[in-house]
Amino acid sequence: MAKYYVLSPMILAAALVATTALRAQEPAPARGQSPALAPERQTDAEDSAVFDDDGGRVFIVRRGQTLDLSSLKFHGGEIISQPRQVSIFLGNGWSDPSNRRREASLAAILTGLVGSTEAAELEERGVTSLALQPLQYEDTGQFQSLADGDQSVSDLDIQQALSTLLQSQRVTPPDGSNLYTVFLSPELQSTIGGLLGRKHYLAYHNFFHVDGGQVRYVVVPFEANRKAARAVATQGLVNAILNPVGNGWF
């Protein structure tokens, strides 16, 4: 015969009081130290890592996420202490004058952070300078071979495009500071595995190796709203600076 047990209201109340007292005794985090993350927050942090077409880990910016450096934890790995933004505008859509006028603003996001609260928070985490002269390239010829009905661009396509540009010496080679920031034009649909840009993520960062070194890059799908586009790119760049290969701050 099944047995059922009922706790009295007095016992339940005593248990709740004891739990509250124990939580009140937990020490607060010291200034400058990342606070202990609640279980649901840890899930959010791990959820920013997804897997690309060849099984590598990619870190994404999801819709609704904000740039909150205080929530990050240090995992003992690399950061980019003196990042230089190397902006690459890929796709035919950047030849449109209305889109091209946006390039100068997007290409100077890191230098625009100098003196800001974000810059001070980055300095606390080991970033010594954001003032390296940014570089800018436009390549409207990339992906012209894609069929009109399928202009999806996978992460492997991005790596191939960057490799081609580096091999042809059309962009500056990797040197430990260069952070290649790929801005996709409106007609290109970014994908990571089965995920779609603008639907499942707003930006992401990754890395791969070439003969000249390690290529660290951010991919930013096109965002029509200029203010939102700059905010998304800023978050993608900051995430990549603090966690370029997946073992830094995240």
C-alpha atoms as a PDB file:
ATOM      1  CA  MET A   1       0.000   0.000   0.000  1.00  0.00           C
ATOM      2  CA  ALA A   2       1.389   3.409  -0.916  1.00  0.00           C
ATOM      3  CA  LYS A   3       2.161   5.711   1.990  1.00  0.00           C
ATOM      4  CA  TYR A   4       1.754   9.478   1.982  1.00  0.00           C
ATOM      5  CA  TYR A   5       3.363  11.882   4.420  1.00  0.00           C
ATOM      6  CA  VAL A   6       2.198  15.403   5.153  1.00  0.00           C
ATOM      7  CA  LEU A   7       4.508  17.955   6.757  1.00  0.00           C
ATOM      8  CA  SER A   8       2.875  20.280   9.207  1.00  0.00           C
ATOM      9  CA  PRO A   9       2.868  24.024   8.433  1.00  0.00           C
ATOM     10  CA  MET A  10       5.069  24.647  11.499  1.00  0.00           C
ATOM     11  CA  ILE A  11       7.816  22.320  10.173  1.00  0.00           C
ATOM     12  CA  LEU A  12       7.720  23.933   6.729  1.00  0.00           C
ATOM     13  CA  ALA A  13       7.947  27.412   8.219  1.00  0.00           C
ATOM     14  CA  ALA A  14      10.945  26.405  10.352  1.00  0.00           C
ATOM     15  CA  ALA A  15      12.734  25.024   7.302  1.00  0.00           C
ATOM     16  CA  LEU A  16      12.177  28.240   5.354  1.00  0.00           C
ATOM     17  CA  VAL A  17      13.522  30.349   8.221  1.00  0.00           C
ATOM     18  CA  ALA A  18      16.658  28.177   8.465  1.00  0.00           C
ATOM     19  CA  THR A  19      17.301  28.423   4.717  1.00  0.00           C
ATOM     20  CA  THR A  20      16.952  32.210   4.751  1.00  0.00           C
ATOM     21  CA  ALA A  21      19.367  32.497   7.671  1.00  0.00           C
ATOM     22  CA  LEU A  22      22.007  30.386   5.900  1.00  0.00           C
ATOM     23  CA  ARG A  23      21.779  32.526   2.751  1.00  0.00           C
ATOM     24  CA  ALA A  24      22.181  35.689   4.777  1.00  0.00           C
ATOM     25  CA  GLN A  25      25.483  34.345   6.165  1.00  0.00           C
ATOM     26  CA  GLU A  26      27.048  33.915   2.694  1.00  0.00           C
ATOM     27  CA  PRO A  27      29.873  36.473   2.174  1.00  0.00           C
ATOM     28  CA  ALA A  28      29.448  39.193  -0.460  1.00  0.00           C
ATOM     29  CA  PRO A  29      32.028  39.223  -3.268  1.00  0.00           C
ATOM     30  CA  ALA A  30      34.956  41.615  -2.878  1.00  0.00           C
ATOM     31  CA  ARG A  31      35.139  44.709  -5.072  1.00  0.00           C
ATOM     32  CA  GLY A  32      36.563  43.849  -8.491  1.00  0.00           C
ATOM     33  CA  GLN A  33      35.873  40.142  -8.020  1.00  0.00           C
ATOM     34  CA  SER A  34      33.286  38.459 -10.217  1.00  0.00           C
ATOM     35  CA  PRO A  35      30.282  37.511  -8.071  1.00  0.00           C
ATOM     36  CA  ALA A  36      29.311  33.867  -7.763  1.00  0.00           C
ATOM     37  CA  LEU A  37      26.826  33.160 -10.500  1.00  0.00           C
ATOM     38  CA  ALA A  38      23.426  31.724  -9.729  1.00  0.00           C
ATOM     39  CA  PRO A  39      22.729  28.404 -11.468  1.00  0.00           C
ATOM     40  CA  GLU A  40      20.489  30.008 -14.090  1.00  0.00           C
ATOM     41  CA  ARG A  41      23.173  32.631 -14.837  1.00  0.00           C
ATOM     42  CA  GLN A  42      25.790  29.914 -15.284  1.00  0.00           C
ATOM     43  CA  THR A  43      23.490  28.280 -17.797  1.00  0.00           C
ATOM     44  CA  ASP A  44      23.251  31.567 -19.714  1.00  0.00           C
ATOM     45  CA  ALA A  45      27.044  31.887 -19.802  1.00  0.00           C
ATOM     46  CA  GLU A  46      27.563  28.364 -21.082  1.00  0.00           C
ATOM     47  CA  ASP A  47      24.695  28.854 -23.529  1.00  0.00           C
ATOM     48  CA  SER A  48      26.761  31.489 -25.372  1.00  0.00           C
ATOM     49  CA  ALA A  49      28.971  28.660 -26.691  1.00  0.00           C
ATOM     50  CA  VAL A  50      27.653  26.723 -29.693  1.00  0.00           C
ATOM     51  CA  PHE A  51      29.303  24.417 -32.220  1.00  0.00           C
ATOM     52  CA  ASP A  52      30.062  25.265 -35.841  1.00  0.00           C
ATOM     53  CA  ASP A  53      30.011  23.036 -38.925  1.00  0.00           C
ATOM     54  CA  ASP A  54      33.318  21.313 -38.153  1.00  0.00           C
ATOM     55  CA  GLY A  55      32.592  20.796 -34.449  1.00  0.00           C
ATOM     56  CA  GLY A  56      34.505  23.783 -33.109  1.00  0.00           C
ATOM     57  CA  ARG A  57      33.189  25.941 -30.304  1.00  0.00           C
ATOM     58  CA  VAL A  58      31.886  29.384 -31.247  1.00  0.00           C
ATOM     59  CA  PHE A  59      30.760  32.108 -28.832  1.00  0.00           C
ATOM     60  CA  ILE A  60      27.636  34.003 -29.828  1.00  0.00           C
ATOM     61  CA  VAL A  61      25.786  37.150 -28.810  1.00  0.00           C
ATOM     62  CA  ARG A  62      22.149  36.237 -28.308  1.00  0.00           C
ATOM     63  CA  ARG A  63      19.236  38.611 -28.711  1.00  0.00           C
ATOM     64  CA  GLY A  64      18.472  40.382 -25.447  1.00  0.00           C
ATOM     65  CA  GLN A  65      21.974  39.998 -24.011  1.00  0.00           C
ATOM     66  CA  THR A  66      23.644  43.168 -22.759  1.00  0.00           C
ATOM     67  CA  LEU A  67      27.255  44.146 -22.264  1.00  0.00           C
ATOM     68  CA  ASP A  68      27.683  43.306 -18.572  1.00  0.00           C
ATOM     69  CA  LEU A  69      31.347  42.746 -17.775  1.00  0.00           C
ATOM     70  CA  SER A  70      30.680  42.357 -14.041  1.00  0.00           C
ATOM     71  CA  SER A  71      28.964  39.011 -14.694  1.00  0.00           C
ATOM     72  CA  LEU A  72      31.984  37.448 -16.427  1.00  0.00           C
ATOM     73  CA  LYS A  73      34.283  34.919 -14.760  1.00  0.00           C
ATOM     74  CA  PHE A  74      37.977  34.475 -15.537  1.00  0.00           C
ATOM     75  CA  HIS A  75      38.977  30.974 -16.640  1.00  0.00           C
ATOM     76  CA  GLY A  76      42.749  31.540 -16.674  1.00  0.00           C
ATOM     77  CA  GLY A  77      43.259  31.861 -20.416  1.00  0.00           C
ATOM     78  CA  GLU A  78      44.181  34.453 -23.020  1.00  0.00           C
ATOM     79  CA  ILE A  79      42.905  37.939 -23.678  1.00  0.00           C
ATOM     80  CA  ILE A  80      43.935  40.462 -26.341  1.00  0.00           C
ATOM     81  CA  SER A  81      45.655  43.155 -24.285  1.00  0.00           C
ATOM     82  CA  GLN A  82      46.186  45.648 -27.128  1.00  0.00           C
ATOM     83  CA  PRO A  83      43.489  44.915 -29.693  1.00  0.00           C
ATOM     84  CA  ARG A  84      43.379  46.524 -33.122  1.00  0.00           C
ATOM     85  CA  GLN A  85      40.054  46.440 -34.968  1.00  0.00           C
ATOM     86  CA  VAL A  86      40.584  45.283 -38.554  1.00  0.00           C
ATOM     87  CA  SER A  87      37.183  45.751 -40.191  1.00  0.00           C
ATOM     88  CA  ILE A  88      36.274  43.836 -43.331  1.00  0.00           C
ATOM     89  CA  PHE A  89      33.006  44.687 -45.083  1.00  0.00           C
ATOM     90  CA  LEU A  90      31.988  41.625 -47.074  1.00  0.00           C
ATOM     91  CA  GLY A  91      29.302  41.412 -49.728  1.00  0.00           C
ATOM     92  CA  ASN A  92      27.797  43.354 -52.600  1.00  0.00           C
ATOM     93  CA  GLY A  93      25.446  45.318 -50.366  1.00  0.00           C
ATOM     94  CA  TRP A  94      28.253  47.536 -49.079  1.00  0.00           C
ATOM     95  CA  SER A  95      28.509  49.123 -52.523  1.00  0.00           C
ATOM     96  CA  ASP A  96      25.162  50.809 -51.853  1.00  0.00           C
ATOM     97  CA  PRO A  97      25.924  54.440 -50.844  1.00  0.00           C
ATOM     98  CA  SER A  98      23.527  54.355 -47.870  1.00  0.00           C
ATOM     99  CA  ASN A  99      25.327  51.326 -46.429  1.00  0.00           C
ATOM    100  CA  ARG A 100      28.808  52.581 -47.245  1.00  0.00           C
ATOM    101  CA  ARG A 101      28.213  55.734 -45.216  1.00  0.00           C
ATOM    102  CA  ARG A 102      27.978  53.526 -42.131  1.00  0.00           C
ATOM    103  CA  GLU A 103      31.408  51.964 -42.556  1.00  0.00           C
ATOM    104  CA  ALA A 104      33.515  54.672 -40.920  1.00  0.00           C
ATOM    105  CA  SER A 105      31.504  54.539 -37.693  1.00  0.00           C
ATOM    106  CA  LEU A 106      31.512  50.746 -37.499  1.00  0.00           C
ATOM    107  CA  ALA A 107      35.226  50.541 -38.289  1.00  0.00           C
ATOM    108  CA  ALA A 108      36.233  52.694 -35.303  1.00  0.00           C
ATOM    109  CA  ILE A 109      34.279  51.091 -32.466  1.00  0.00           C
ATOM    110  CA  LEU A 110      37.272  50.205 -30.289  1.00  0.00           C
ATOM    111  CA  THR A 111      38.988  53.577 -30.522  1.00  0.00           C
ATOM    112  CA  GLY A 112      35.596  55.140 -29.787  1.00  0.00           C
ATOM    113  CA  LEU A 113      35.543  53.360 -26.421  1.00  0.00           C
ATOM    114  CA  VAL A 114      38.675  55.175 -25.179  1.00  0.00           C
ATOM    115  CA  GLY A 115      37.815  57.037 -21.973  1.00  0.00           C
ATOM    116  CA  SER A 116      34.505  55.247 -21.483  1.00  0.00           C
ATOM    117  CA  THR A 117      33.253  53.155 -18.576  1.00  0.00           C
ATOM    118  CA  GLU A 118      33.658  50.049 -20.741  1.00  0.00           C
ATOM    119  CA  ALA A 119      37.312  50.938 -21.364  1.00  0.00           C
ATOM    120  CA  ALA A 120      37.931  51.227 -17.617  1.00  0.00           C
ATOM    121  CA  GLU A 121      36.304  47.833 -17.015  1.00  0.00           C
ATOM    122  CA  LEU A 122      38.392  46.292 -19.782  1.00  0.00           C
ATOM    123  CA  GLU A 123      41.546  47.766 -18.245  1.00  0.00           C
ATOM    124  CA  GLU A 124      40.673  46.089 -14.922  1.00  0.00           C
ATOM    125  CA  ARG A 125      40.677  42.788 -16.819  1.00  0.00           C
ATOM    126  CA  GLY A 126      44.073  43.293 -18.456  1.00  0.00           C
ATOM    127  CA  VAL A 127      43.337  45.281 -21.615  1.00  0.00           C
ATOM    128  CA  THR A 128      46.043  47.963 -21.632  1.00  0.00           C
ATOM    129  CA  SER A 129      45.082  49.920 -24.761  1.00  0.00           C
ATOM    130  CA  LEU A 130      42.242  50.367 -27.237  1.00  0.00           C
ATOM    131  CA  ALA A 131      43.992  53.129 -29.175  1.00  0.00           C
ATOM    132  CA  LEU A 132      45.765  51.186 -31.942  1.00  0.00           C
ATOM    133  CA  GLN A 133      44.925  52.675 -35.326  1.00  0.00           C
ATOM    134  CA  PRO A 134      41.975  50.743 -36.812  1.00  0.00           C
ATOM    135  CA  LEU A 135      42.184  49.336 -40.332  1.00  0.00           C
ATOM    136  CA  GLN A 136      39.342  49.066 -42.827  1.00  0.00           C
ATOM    137  CA  TYR A 137      38.791  46.985 -45.974  1.00  0.00           C
ATOM    138  CA  GLU A 138      35.831  46.509 -48.275  1.00  0.00           C
ATOM    139  CA  ASP A 139      35.347  43.468 -50.471  1.00  0.00           C
ATOM    140  CA  THR A 140      32.095  43.554 -52.409  1.00  0.00           C
ATOM    141  CA  GLY A 141      33.266  40.695 -54.641  1.00  0.00           C
ATOM    142  CA  GLN A 142      33.191  38.008 -51.960  1.00  0.00           C
ATOM    143  CA  PHE A 143      30.358  35.467 -52.294  1.00  0.00           C
ATOM    144  CA  GLN A 144      29.293  36.699 -55.740  1.00  0.00           C
ATOM    145  CA  SER A 145      29.103  33.063 -56.828  1.00  0.00           C
ATOM    146  CA  LEU A 146      26.290  32.330 -54.372  1.00  0.00           C
ATOM    147  CA  ALA A 147      22.950  31.643 -56.016  1.00  0.00           C
ATOM    148  CA  ASP A 148      20.361  34.387 -55.604  1.00  0.00           C
ATOM    149  CA  GLY A 149      18.041  32.034 -53.756  1.00  0.00           C
ATOM    150  CA  ASP A 150      20.675  30.830 -51.270  1.00  0.00           C
ATOM    151  CA  GLN A 151      23.079  33.443 -49.975  1.00  0.00           C
ATOM    152  CA  SER A 152      23.814  31.719 -46.690  1.00  0.00           C
ATOM    153  CA  VAL A 153      27.346  32.153 -45.360  1.00  0.00           C
ATOM    154  CA  SER A 154      28.586  29.556 -42.875  1.00  0.00           C
ATOM    155  CA  ASP A 155      31.428  30.006 -40.428  1.00  0.00           C
ATOM    156  CA  LEU A 156      33.593  27.841 -42.689  1.00  0.00           C
ATOM    157  CA  ASP A 157      32.803  30.245 -45.557  1.00  0.00           C
ATOM    158  CA  ILE A 158      33.974  33.125 -43.363  1.00  0.00           C
ATOM    159  CA  GLN A 159      37.225  31.341 -42.568  1.00  0.00           C
ATOM    160  CA  GLN A 160      37.805  30.639 -46.254  1.00  0.00           C
ATOM    161  CA  ALA A 161      37.123  34.275 -47.161  1.00  0.00           C
ATOM    162  CA  LEU A 162      39.566  35.494 -44.502  1.00  0.00           C
ATOM    163  CA  SER A 163      42.188  32.977 -45.616  1.00  0.00           C
ATOM    164  CA  THR A 164      41.847  34.174 -49.226  1.00  0.00           C
ATOM    165  CA  LEU A 165      42.217  37.816 -48.218  1.00  0.00           C
ATOM    166  CA  LEU A 166      45.268  37.020 -46.079  1.00  0.00           C
ATOM    167  CA  GLN A 167      46.948  34.882 -48.728  1.00  0.00           C
ATOM    168  CA  SER A 168      46.473  37.600 -51.321  1.00  0.00           C
ATOM    169  CA  GLN A 169      47.928  40.105 -48.827  1.00  0.00           C
ATOM    170  CA  ARG A 170      44.879  42.300 -49.218  1.00  0.00           C
ATOM    171  CA  VAL A 171      44.556  42.571 -45.442  1.00  0.00           C
ATOM    172  CA  THR A 172      47.202  42.893 -42.763  1.00  0.00           C
ATOM    173  CA  PRO A 173      48.417  39.539 -41.349  1.00  0.00           C
ATOM    174  CA  PRO A 174      47.664  38.330 -37.801  1.00  0.00           C
ATOM    175  CA  ASP A 175      50.050  39.626 -35.161  1.00  0.00           C
ATOM    176  CA  GLY A 176      48.400  38.914 -31.808  1.00  0.00           C
ATOM    177  CA  SER A 177      46.648  42.282 -31.740  1.00  0.00           C
ATOM    178  CA  ASN A 178      44.580  42.192 -34.920  1.00  0.00           C
ATOM    179  CA  LEU A 179      40.936  41.338 -34.348  1.00  0.00           C
ATOM    180  CA  TYR A 180      39.282  40.839 -37.731  1.00  0.00           C
ATOM    181  CA  THR A 181      35.733  42.157 -37.618  1.00  0.00           C
ATOM    182  CA  VAL A 182      33.632  40.891 -40.519  1.00  0.00           C
ATOM    183  CA  PHE A 183      30.560  42.978 -41.275  1.00  0.00           C
ATOM    184  CA  LEU A 184      28.197  41.135 -43.626  1.00  0.00           C
ATOM    185  CA  SER A 185      26.103  43.013 -46.164  1.00  0.00           C
ATOM    186  CA  PRO A 186      22.274  42.825 -46.044  1.00  0.00           C
ATOM    187  CA  GLU A 187      21.825  40.074 -48.640  1.00  0.00           C
ATOM    188  CA  LEU A 188      24.063  37.568 -46.825  1.00  0.00           C
ATOM    189  CA  GLN A 189      22.554  35.144 -44.292  1.00  0.00           C
ATOM    190  CA  SER A 190      25.033  34.136 -41.596  1.00  0.00           C
ATOM    191  CA  THR A 191      24.763  30.550 -40.314  1.00  0.00           C
ATOM    192  CA  ILE A 192      26.451  28.429 -37.642  1.00  0.00           C
ATOM    193  CA  GLY A 193      25.467  24.814 -38.004  1.00  0.00           C
ATOM    194  CA  GLY A 194      21.667  24.956 -37.910  1.00  0.00           C
ATOM    195  CA  LEU A 195      21.536  28.438 -36.334  1.00  0.00           C
ATOM    196  CA  LEU A 196      20.626  31.555 -38.302  1.00  0.00           C
ATOM    197  CA  GLY A 197      22.055  35.024 -37.812  1.00  0.00           C
ATOM    198  CA  ARG A 198      19.576  37.688 -36.629  1.00  0.00           C
ATOM    199  CA  LYS A 199      17.265  34.875 -35.468  1.00  0.00           C
ATOM    200  CA  HIS A 200      19.350  32.759 -33.104  1.00  0.00           C
ATOM    201  CA  TYR A 201      22.301  35.140 -32.636  1.00  0.00           C
ATOM    202  CA  LEU A 202      23.296  38.721 -33.440  1.00  0.00           C
ATOM    203  CA  ALA A 203      27.077  38.250 -33.682  1.00  0.00           C
ATOM    204  CA  TYR A 204      29.745  35.702 -32.819  1.00  0.00           C
ATOM    205  CA  HIS A 205      33.494  35.267 -32.509  1.00  0.00           C
ATOM    206  CA  ASN A 206      35.844  32.414 -33.326  1.00  0.00           C
ATOM    207  CA  PHE A 207      39.439  31.720 -34.403  1.00  0.00           C
ATOM    208  CA  PHE A 208      41.463  29.491 -36.728  1.00  0.00           C
ATOM    209  CA  HIS A 209      45.110  28.989 -37.674  1.00  0.00           C
ATOM    210  CA  VAL A 210      47.042  29.916 -40.801  1.00  0.00           C
ATOM    211  CA  ASP A 211      50.768  29.725 -41.565  1.00  0.00           C
ATOM    212  CA  GLY A 212      51.234  33.268 -40.293  1.00  0.00           C
ATOM    213  CA  GLY A 213      49.578  32.667 -36.939  1.00  0.00           C
ATOM    214  CA  GLN A 214      46.184  32.607 -35.281  1.00  0.00           C
ATOM    215  CA  VAL A 215      43.295  34.493 -36.895  1.00  0.00           C
ATOM    216  CA  ARG A 216      40.842  35.832 -34.326  1.00  0.00           C
ATOM    217  CA  TYR A 217      37.650  37.227 -35.763  1.00  0.00           C
ATOM    218  CA  VAL A 218      34.163  38.535 -35.075  1.00  0.00           C
ATOM    219  CA  VAL A 219      31.233  38.159 -37.478  1.00  0.00           C
ATOM    220  CA  VAL A 220      28.421  40.724 -37.404  1.00  0.00           C
ATOM    221  CA  PRO A 221      25.350  40.053 -39.583  1.00  0.00           C
ATOM    222  CA  PHE A 222      23.782  43.173 -41.057  1.00  0.00           C
ATOM    223  CA  GLU A 223      21.554  45.168 -38.714  1.00  0.00           C
ATOM    224  CA  ALA A 224      19.394  47.863 -40.327  1.00  0.00           C
ATOM    225  CA  ASN A 225      19.167  50.013 -37.193  1.00  0.00           C
ATOM    226  CA  ARG A 226      22.437  51.926 -36.943  1.00  0.00           C
ATOM    227  CA  LYS A 227      22.432  52.303 -33.163  1.00  0.00           C
ATOM    228  CA  ALA A 228      21.639  48.628 -32.671  1.00  0.00           C
ATOM    229  CA  ALA A 229      24.303  47.656 -35.226  1.00  0.00           C
ATOM    230  CA  ARG A 230      26.973  49.541 -33.306  1.00  0.00           C
ATOM    231  CA  ALA A 231      25.842  48.085 -29.960  1.00  0.00           C
ATOM    232  CA  VAL A 232      25.921  44.508 -31.288  1.00  0.00           C
ATOM    233  CA  ALA A 233      29.336  44.983 -32.874  1.00  0.00           C
ATOM    234  CA  THR A 234      30.663  46.499 -29.644  1.00  0.00           C
ATOM    235  CA  GLN A 235      29.508  43.510 -27.622  1.00  0.00           C
ATOM    236  CA  GLY A 236      30.960  41.059 -30.133  1.00  0.00           C
ATOM    237  CA  LEU A 237      34.321  42.848 -30.090  1.00  0.00           C
ATOM    238  CA  VAL A 238      34.497  43.085 -26.294  1.00  0.00           C
ATOM    239  CA  ASN A 239      33.612  39.401 -25.948  1.00  0.00           C
ATOM    240  CA  ALA A 240      36.349  38.468 -28.412  1.00  0.00           C
ATOM    241  CA  ILE A 241      38.937  40.665 -26.692  1.00  0.00           C
ATOM    242  CA  LEU A 242      38.300  39.092 -23.302  1.00  0.00           C
ATOM    243  CA  ASN A 243      37.803  35.544 -24.571  1.00  0.00           C
ATOM    244  CA  PRO A 244      39.516  35.143 -27.967  1.00  0.00           C
ATOM    245  CA  VAL A 245      40.060  31.370 -27.891  1.00  0.00           C
ATOM    246  CA  GLY A 246      37.465  30.242 -25.349  1.00  0.00           C
ATOM    247  CA  ASN A 247      39.401  30.164 -22.071  1.00  0.00           C
ATOM    248  CA  GLY A 248      39.424  33.812 -20.952  1.00  0.00           C
ATOM    249  CA  TRP A 249      36.573  35.852 -19.480  1.00  0.00           C
ATOM    250  CA  PHE A 250      33.057  34.592 -20.124  1.00  0.00           C
END
